[in-house]
């Protein structure tokens, strides 16, 4: 298994009773993370909180990491459902100009990263390539017959060409996107607390605006 590949369960439940057991295990894992913290998460503790025999847990999961992977996938599915409702709000902001739209995008992306990071920081940082919420959001937008982020952003900038400095739109869009990506990833790796700091978000926005606007 590579360092970024998510741990897998031993098997999937098929019967109603076994599905209920696995769901109880996932719920117990999340409850421990939220109420006791990652340091308290062990297979024994998960089984205890779930009210199941630890042998039953090991029947479906080889270790706590495999349970965590399931919990993360569930959380990401919930975040994607929430994010879908944000698409309309961001789309409405596009008529207001570059600044308002970029601010909303930065807020959304930092919020998504924070929610996943806070669950279990070490696990998330180890497996963030497999738990790339921003890639999942991009896939969701395309499944809804919308353009990808890479396609949408240059078009958005062209709509507001009068606000922008002179320069090739496609290149400017690429550099701005990569600057945002790099800023968020660096903060996640080195200063994750910065992601919830409004000052950090404003500074990232200022960086992009200084590059893009006249």
Protein backbone atom coordinates (compact mmCIF):
# COMPACT_ATOMS: atom_id res chain seq x y z
CA UNK A 1 0.00 0.00 0.00
CA UNK A 2 1.34 3.42 -0.92
CA UNK A 3 1.52 6.19 1.64
CA UNK A 4 -1.50 7.91 0.09
CA UNK A 5 -3.70 4.89 -0.56
CA UNK A 6 -6.60 4.61 1.84
CA UNK A 7 -6.70 1.51 4.08
CA UNK A 8 -9.43 -0.87 2.98
CA UNK A 9 -11.92 -2.93 5.00
CA UNK A 10 -11.57 -6.69 5.09
CA UNK A 11 -15.00 -7.13 3.52
CA UNK A 12 -18.29 -5.34 2.96
CA UNK A 13 -21.42 -6.19 4.93
CA UNK A 14 -24.23 -7.81 2.95
CA UNK A 15 -26.97 -8.60 5.42
CA UNK A 16 -29.04 -6.03 7.28
CA UNK A 17 -27.60 -7.09 10.62
CA UNK A 18 -23.99 -6.83 9.44
CA UNK A 19 -24.65 -3.46 7.79
CA UNK A 20 -26.05 -2.19 11.08
CA UNK A 21 -22.96 -3.46 12.90
CA UNK A 22 -20.59 -1.71 10.50
CA UNK A 23 -22.60 1.49 10.72
CA UNK A 24 -22.39 1.34 14.52
CA UNK A 25 -18.60 1.00 14.22
CA UNK A 26 -18.37 4.03 11.92
CA UNK A 27 -20.60 6.10 14.20
CA UNK A 28 -18.53 5.12 17.23
CA UNK A 29 -15.32 6.15 15.46
CA UNK A 30 -16.75 9.56 14.61
CA UNK A 31 -18.12 10.00 18.14
CA UNK A 32 -14.70 9.31 19.66
CA UNK A 33 -13.02 11.76 17.29
CA UNK A 34 -15.53 14.49 18.08
CA UNK A 35 -15.85 13.95 21.84
CA UNK A 36 -12.55 12.42 22.97
CA UNK A 37 -10.04 13.29 20.26
CA UNK A 38 -7.79 11.29 17.92
CA UNK A 39 -5.42 10.18 20.68
CA UNK A 40 -8.18 8.10 22.23
CA UNK A 41 -9.04 6.28 19.02
CA UNK A 42 -8.19 2.57 19.19
CA UNK A 43 -9.98 -0.48 17.86
CA UNK A 44 -10.78 -1.49 21.43
CA UNK A 45 -12.32 1.91 22.18
CA UNK A 46 -14.28 1.88 18.93
CA UNK A 47 -15.71 -1.55 19.72
CA UNK A 48 -16.56 -0.45 23.26
CA UNK A 49 -18.41 2.70 22.16
CA UNK A 50 -20.15 0.81 19.35
CA UNK A 51 -21.27 -1.87 21.79
CA UNK A 52 -19.82 -4.70 19.71
CA UNK A 53 -17.32 -7.46 20.33
CA UNK A 54 -13.87 -6.51 19.08
CA UNK A 55 -13.77 -9.77 17.12
CA UNK A 56 -16.78 -8.51 15.19
CA UNK A 57 -14.94 -5.29 14.41
CA UNK A 58 -11.92 -7.22 13.13
CA UNK A 59 -14.21 -9.31 10.96
CA UNK A 60 -14.78 -6.20 8.83
CA UNK A 61 -11.83 -3.92 9.57
CA UNK A 62 -8.15 -4.90 9.96
CA UNK A 63 -7.29 -1.82 12.04
CA UNK A 64 -8.52 1.58 13.15
CA UNK A 65 -7.14 3.20 9.99
CA UNK A 66 -9.54 1.20 7.86
CA UNK A 67 -12.43 2.40 10.02
CA UNK A 68 -11.13 5.96 9.69
CA UNK A 69 -11.04 5.66 5.92
CA UNK A 70 -14.73 4.73 5.93
CA UNK A 71 -15.58 7.62 8.22
CA UNK A 72 -13.66 10.05 6.03
CA UNK A 73 -15.44 8.84 2.91
CA UNK A 74 -18.78 9.39 4.61
CA UNK A 75 -17.76 12.86 5.76
CA UNK A 76 -16.58 13.77 2.26
CA UNK A 77 -19.89 12.66 0.78
CA UNK A 78 -21.67 14.93 3.25
CA UNK A 79 -19.38 17.84 2.44
CA UNK A 80 -19.98 17.39 -1.27
CA UNK A 81 -23.73 17.52 -0.70
CA UNK A 82 -23.29 20.77 1.25
CA UNK A 83 -20.97 22.17 -1.40
CA UNK A 84 -23.46 21.57 -4.17
CA UNK A 85 -25.76 24.08 -2.49
CA UNK A 86 -22.92 26.63 -2.54
CA UNK A 87 -22.56 26.51 -6.31
CA UNK A 88 -25.59 28.73 -6.85
CA UNK A 89 -24.37 31.34 -4.38
CA UNK A 90 -20.93 31.51 -5.99
CA UNK A 91 -22.48 31.66 -9.45
CA UNK A 92 -24.60 34.61 -8.34
CA UNK A 93 -21.47 36.40 -7.12
CA UNK A 94 -19.78 36.15 -10.52
CA UNK A 95 -21.80 39.13 -11.71
CA UNK A 96 -20.38 41.23 -8.85
CA UNK A 97 -16.83 40.88 -10.08
CA UNK A 98 -13.55 39.16 -9.41
CA UNK A 99 -13.02 40.09 -5.76
CA UNK A 100 -16.36 38.88 -4.38
CA UNK A 101 -16.17 35.63 -6.33
CA UNK A 102 -12.59 34.80 -5.34
CA UNK A 103 -13.33 35.59 -1.69
CA UNK A 104 -16.22 33.11 -1.73
CA UNK A 105 -14.07 30.44 -3.40
CA UNK A 106 -11.26 30.90 -0.85
CA UNK A 107 -13.73 30.70 2.05
CA UNK A 108 -15.29 27.53 0.64
CA UNK A 109 -11.99 25.76 -0.02
CA UNK A 110 -10.44 26.61 3.34
CA UNK A 111 -13.60 25.52 5.16
CA UNK A 112 -13.63 22.15 3.38
CA UNK A 113 -9.94 21.52 4.10
CA UNK A 114 -10.34 22.46 7.75
CA UNK A 115 -13.28 20.14 8.35
CA UNK A 116 -11.32 17.17 7.05
CA UNK A 117 -8.05 18.13 8.74
CA UNK A 118 -9.63 18.59 12.17
CA UNK A 119 -11.11 15.10 12.27
CA UNK A 120 -7.71 13.40 12.55
CA UNK A 121 -4.82 15.64 11.42
CA UNK A 122 -2.12 12.98 11.08
CA UNK A 123 -4.34 10.59 9.15
CA UNK A 124 -5.60 13.32 6.84
CA UNK A 125 -2.14 14.66 6.04
CA UNK A 126 -0.91 11.14 5.30
CA UNK A 127 -3.81 10.36 2.96
CA UNK A 128 -4.77 13.77 1.61
CA UNK A 129 -4.05 12.73 -1.97
CA UNK A 130 -6.77 10.09 -1.72
CA UNK A 131 -8.96 12.46 0.31
CA UNK A 132 -8.63 15.40 -2.09
CA UNK A 133 -11.91 17.19 -1.48
CA UNK A 134 -11.13 19.83 -4.07
CA UNK A 135 -10.73 17.17 -6.77
CA UNK A 136 -14.01 15.60 -5.65
CA UNK A 137 -15.75 18.98 -5.90
CA UNK A 138 -14.35 19.37 -9.40
CA UNK A 139 -15.72 15.96 -10.33
CA UNK A 140 -19.09 16.91 -8.87
CA UNK A 141 -19.31 20.10 -10.91
CA UNK A 142 -18.62 18.17 -14.10
CA UNK A 143 -21.17 15.49 -13.21
CA UNK A 144 -23.74 18.30 -13.05
CA UNK A 145 -22.82 19.30 -16.63
CA UNK A 146 -20.77 22.27 -15.48
CA UNK A 147 -17.24 23.04 -16.71
CA UNK A 148 -14.26 21.94 -14.66
CA UNK A 149 -12.46 24.47 -12.45
CA UNK A 150 -9.66 24.63 -15.03
CA UNK A 151 -12.14 25.44 -17.81
CA UNK A 152 -14.41 27.70 -15.79
CA UNK A 153 -11.83 30.08 -14.31
CA UNK A 154 -10.37 31.46 -17.58
CA UNK A 155 -13.91 32.02 -18.85
CA UNK A 156 -14.81 33.83 -15.66
CA UNK A 157 -11.79 36.11 -16.01
CA UNK A 158 -12.72 36.89 -19.61
CA UNK A 159 -16.13 38.05 -18.44
CA UNK A 160 -14.35 40.63 -16.30
CA UNK A 161 -11.59 41.53 -18.71
CA UNK A 162 -12.09 45.24 -18.06
CA UNK A 163 -11.00 44.75 -14.44
CA UNK A 164 -7.85 42.85 -15.29
CA UNK A 165 -4.39 44.06 -16.12
CA UNK A 166 -3.06 43.37 -19.60
CA UNK A 167 -1.84 39.84 -20.12
CA UNK A 168 -2.77 36.42 -21.59
CA UNK A 169 -5.91 35.25 -19.81
CA UNK A 170 -5.14 31.54 -19.94
CA UNK A 171 -1.69 32.03 -18.44
CA UNK A 172 -2.98 34.41 -15.79
CA UNK A 173 -5.75 31.97 -14.87
CA UNK A 174 -3.24 29.13 -14.56
CA UNK A 175 -0.86 31.10 -12.35
CA UNK A 176 -3.69 32.39 -10.14
CA UNK A 177 -5.12 28.89 -9.70
CA UNK A 178 -1.74 27.42 -8.87
CA UNK A 179 -0.96 30.25 -6.46
CA UNK A 180 -4.20 29.55 -4.60
CA UNK A 181 -3.48 25.80 -4.56
CA UNK A 182 0.06 26.35 -3.29
CA UNK A 183 -1.02 28.78 -0.56
CA UNK A 184 -3.66 26.44 0.83
CA UNK A 185 -1.46 23.34 0.66
CA UNK A 186 1.46 25.11 2.32
CA UNK A 187 -0.79 26.35 5.11
CA UNK A 188 -2.26 22.89 5.58
CA UNK A 189 1.21 21.34 5.85
CA UNK A 190 2.96 24.03 7.89
CA UNK A 191 0.38 26.30 9.57
CA UNK A 192 -3.06 24.62 9.49
CA UNK A 193 -4.41 27.05 12.07
CA UNK A 194 -3.98 29.80 9.45
CA UNK A 195 -6.80 28.31 7.37
CA UNK A 196 -9.36 29.47 9.92
CA UNK A 197 -7.77 32.91 10.30
CA UNK A 198 -9.71 35.60 8.40
CA UNK A 199 -6.47 37.55 8.03
CA UNK A 200 -4.84 34.65 6.19
CA UNK A 201 -7.81 34.35 3.86
CA UNK A 202 -7.74 38.08 3.15
CA UNK A 203 -4.01 37.94 2.43
CA UNK A 204 -4.48 35.09 -0.05
CA UNK A 205 -7.25 37.09 -1.70
CA UNK A 206 -5.02 40.17 -1.78
CA UNK A 207 -2.23 38.13 -3.40
CA UNK A 208 -4.52 37.01 -6.21
CA UNK A 209 -6.06 40.42 -6.73
CA UNK A 210 -2.70 42.18 -6.90
CA UNK A 211 -1.66 39.73 -9.58
CA UNK A 212 -4.86 39.81 -11.62
CA UNK A 213 -6.25 43.32 -11.42
CA UNK A 214 -5.13 46.61 -12.89
